[in-house]
Amino acid sequence: MSAQRAETRRSRGSVLASLPPQAARHSTTARYQINKDAAEMTHDELRQLEGARRRTLWALASLRPGDPTASDLLAILDDLDDQERNDTPCSDKPRDLIEVRNSVSVRRHNSGIDVILERDIPQPWRERFLQASIGSTRIPDGPYASDWDKFLTEWKREMQHLQNHRIAKAANS
């Protein structure tokens, strides 16, 4: 881990304090603690990590690439990526967006609505989807397939926006 990222971990509280008010509202990464003694994250740890990622991505969405206030958010996202990489064992579960999309089947509900089953979504994608879908309408059998498709489309857009921020930051360094 780079010295800069190590410093980010130590100063997470001050990073959050220095965020613009709109970002501070959404970015509460100080709430989670990853269990370093465990070989992999617990469900609660993954939920907290993905909740922090979701709030940080929402805060980043309001900033243009190159905005100096994005740098703290980028550091938080880098830290979350590091934690996920270091605390999640390698598995044969699909990680690529296309593989994830193809691994989840759509089922026609007897109400005429297409749904997906949460259990078909591999982690950490299931938790990412759940965090992004808080408050969404669904039926007891599962979330709407259209919400799943919308999430995947938006995720791709968010990752492109994040990449644009990282490129702008590197160009200004």
Protein backbone atom coordinates (compact mmCIF):
# COMPACT_ATOMS: atom_id res chain seq x y z
CA MET A 1 0.00 0.00 0.00
CA SER A 2 1.32 3.43 -0.87
CA ALA A 3 2.28 5.87 1.85
CA GLN A 4 -0.42 8.23 0.60
CA ARG A 5 -3.14 5.57 0.99
CA ALA A 6 -1.82 4.61 4.42
CA GLU A 7 -2.05 8.24 5.45
CA THR A 8 -5.60 8.34 4.07
CA ARG A 9 -6.56 5.41 6.30
CA ARG A 10 -5.06 7.13 9.36
CA SER A 11 -6.72 10.44 8.63
CA ARG A 12 -10.11 9.21 7.43
CA GLY A 13 -11.86 11.32 10.04
CA SER A 14 -10.11 14.50 8.93
CA VAL A 15 -10.78 13.63 5.29
CA LEU A 16 -14.48 13.46 6.02
CA ALA A 17 -14.36 16.70 7.98
CA SER A 18 -12.76 18.46 5.02
CA LEU A 19 -15.37 17.35 2.47
CA PRO A 20 -17.86 19.85 1.11
CA PRO A 21 -21.16 19.70 3.05
CA GLN A 22 -22.95 17.80 0.26
CA ALA A 23 -20.23 15.16 0.20
CA ALA A 24 -19.97 14.92 3.98
CA ARG A 25 -23.69 14.18 4.13
CA HIS A 26 -23.21 11.11 1.95
CA SER A 27 -19.68 9.96 2.78
CA THR A 28 -19.66 8.29 6.14
CA THR A 29 -16.82 5.85 5.66
CA ALA A 30 -15.80 6.39 9.26
CA ARG A 31 -18.76 4.20 10.27
CA TYR A 32 -17.29 0.96 9.02
CA GLN A 33 -14.44 -1.14 10.28
CA ILE A 34 -13.18 -4.11 8.32
CA ASN A 35 -12.26 -7.10 10.48
CA LYS A 36 -8.58 -7.58 9.65
CA ASP A 37 -8.45 -10.89 11.56
CA ALA A 38 -10.97 -12.55 9.25
CA ALA A 39 -9.98 -14.07 5.93
CA GLU A 40 -12.95 -12.45 4.27
CA MET A 41 -15.47 -9.75 5.00
CA THR A 42 -18.59 -10.54 6.93
CA HIS A 43 -21.93 -9.62 5.42
CA ASP A 44 -22.17 -6.59 7.73
CA GLU A 45 -18.68 -5.42 6.76
CA LEU A 46 -19.49 -5.77 3.07
CA ARG A 47 -22.76 -3.87 3.58
CA GLN A 48 -20.92 -1.06 5.35
CA LEU A 49 -18.16 -0.93 2.75
CA GLU A 50 -20.63 -0.83 -0.15
CA GLY A 51 -22.79 1.72 1.66
CA ALA A 52 -19.74 3.96 2.03
CA ARG A 53 -18.86 3.40 -1.64
CA ARG A 54 -22.41 4.29 -2.70
CA ARG A 55 -22.48 7.53 -0.67
CA THR A 56 -19.05 8.53 -1.97
CA LEU A 57 -20.02 7.84 -5.59
CA TRP A 58 -23.17 9.93 -5.13
CA ALA A 59 -21.07 12.79 -3.75
CA LEU A 60 -18.57 12.47 -6.61
CA ALA A 61 -21.38 12.57 -9.19
CA SER A 62 -22.00 16.24 -8.45
CA LEU A 63 -18.38 17.22 -9.16
CA ARG A 64 -16.74 17.77 -12.52
CA PRO A 65 -13.52 15.92 -13.32
CA GLY A 66 -10.61 18.10 -12.24
CA ASP A 67 -12.52 19.68 -9.34
CA PRO A 68 -9.99 19.87 -6.49
CA THR A 69 -12.64 18.90 -3.91
CA ALA A 70 -12.94 15.50 -5.63
CA SER A 71 -9.49 14.48 -4.43
CA ASP A 72 -10.70 13.49 -0.94
CA LEU A 73 -13.52 11.43 -2.45
CA LEU A 74 -11.07 9.71 -4.81
CA ALA A 75 -8.86 8.84 -1.83
CA ILE A 76 -11.84 7.31 -0.03
CA LEU A 77 -12.77 5.26 -3.11
CA ASP A 78 -9.16 4.11 -3.50
CA ASP A 79 -9.17 3.05 0.14
CA LEU A 80 -12.42 1.13 -0.31
CA ASP A 81 -11.02 -0.60 -3.41
CA ASP A 82 -7.89 -1.57 -1.46
CA GLN A 83 -9.95 -2.98 1.38
CA GLU A 84 -12.13 -4.99 -0.98
CA ARG A 85 -9.08 -6.35 -2.80
CA ASN A 86 -7.23 -7.21 0.43
CA ASP A 87 -10.17 -8.61 2.38
CA THR A 88 -12.02 -10.60 -0.25
CA PRO A 89 -10.59 -13.97 -1.20
CA CYS A 90 -10.24 -14.79 -4.87
CA SER A 91 -13.21 -16.75 -6.09
CA ASP A 92 -14.69 -18.01 -9.27
CA LYS A 93 -17.63 -15.63 -9.00
CA PRO A 94 -18.02 -13.26 -11.94
CA ARG A 95 -16.58 -9.81 -11.38
CA ASP A 96 -16.80 -8.24 -14.82
CA LEU A 97 -19.96 -6.20 -15.41
CA ILE A 98 -20.93 -8.23 -18.50
CA GLU A 99 -20.37 -11.52 -16.66
CA VAL A 100 -22.46 -10.28 -13.75
CA ARG A 101 -25.27 -9.18 -16.07
CA ASN A 102 -25.23 -12.56 -17.82
CA SER A 103 -25.16 -14.54 -14.56
CA VAL A 104 -28.50 -13.19 -13.33
CA SER A 105 -31.61 -14.61 -14.99
CA VAL A 106 -34.80 -12.69 -15.44
CA ARG A 107 -38.00 -14.45 -14.42
CA ARG A 108 -41.52 -13.54 -15.40
CA HIS A 109 -43.62 -13.11 -12.28
CA ASN A 110 -47.29 -14.15 -12.41
CA SER A 111 -48.16 -10.45 -12.08
CA GLY A 112 -46.60 -9.91 -15.52
CA ILE A 113 -43.54 -8.09 -14.13
CA ASP A 114 -40.03 -9.32 -14.88
CA VAL A 115 -38.05 -9.90 -11.67
CA ILE A 116 -34.68 -11.23 -10.63
CA LEU A 117 -33.79 -13.27 -7.58
CA GLU A 118 -31.34 -11.58 -5.23
CA ARG A 119 -29.66 -14.89 -4.50
CA ASP A 120 -28.63 -15.13 -8.18
CA ILE A 121 -26.57 -11.93 -7.94
CA PRO A 122 -22.97 -12.68 -6.94
CA GLN A 123 -21.35 -10.66 -4.16
CA PRO A 124 -20.24 -7.88 -3.99
CA TRP A 125 -22.65 -6.95 -6.79
CA ARG A 126 -25.70 -7.99 -4.78
CA GLU A 127 -24.76 -5.63 -1.97
CA ARG A 128 -23.94 -2.83 -4.44
CA PHE A 129 -27.37 -3.26 -6.02
CA LEU A 130 -29.12 -3.35 -2.65
CA GLN A 131 -27.33 -0.18 -1.50
CA ALA A 132 -28.26 1.65 -4.70
CA SER A 133 -31.85 0.38 -4.53
CA ILE A 134 -32.77 1.36 -0.98
CA GLY A 135 -36.35 2.62 -1.12
CA SER A 136 -37.10 1.12 -4.54
CA THR A 137 -40.41 -0.61 -5.15
CA ARG A 138 -40.21 -4.38 -5.46
CA ILE A 139 -42.40 -7.41 -5.06
CA PRO A 140 -41.86 -10.05 -2.37
CA ASP A 141 -40.37 -12.49 -4.90
CA GLY A 142 -37.58 -10.12 -5.89
CA PRO A 143 -36.54 -6.77 -7.33
CA TYR A 144 -37.76 -5.63 -10.71
CA ALA A 145 -35.50 -6.70 -13.56
CA SER A 146 -35.73 -3.17 -14.96
CA ASP A 147 -34.18 -1.83 -11.72
CA TRP A 148 -31.32 -4.34 -12.06
CA ASP A 149 -30.69 -3.25 -15.66
CA LYS A 150 -30.87 0.41 -14.65
CA PHE A 151 -28.38 -0.21 -11.83
CA LEU A 152 -25.88 -1.91 -14.15
CA THR A 153 -26.19 0.89 -16.72
CA GLU A 154 -25.71 3.52 -14.03
CA TRP A 155 -22.77 1.62 -12.51
CA LYS A 156 -21.00 1.67 -15.87
CA ARG A 157 -21.63 5.42 -16.14
CA GLU A 158 -20.40 6.00 -12.58
CA MET A 159 -17.21 4.02 -13.22
CA GLN A 160 -16.55 6.10 -16.36
CA HIS A 161 -17.11 9.29 -14.35
CA LEU A 162 -14.74 7.98 -11.67
CA GLN A 163 -12.13 7.15 -14.32
CA ASN A 164 -12.48 10.67 -15.76
CA HIS A 165 -11.79 12.09 -12.29
CA ARG A 166 -8.73 9.88 -11.86
CA ILE A 167 -7.38 10.92 -15.28
CA ALA A 168 -7.94 14.60 -14.47
CA LYS A 169 -6.23 14.20 -11.10
CA ALA A 170 -3.22 12.47 -12.70
CA ALA A 171 -2.97 15.21 -15.33
CA ASN A 172 -2.95 17.89 -12.61
CA SER A 173 -0.34 16.10 -10.45
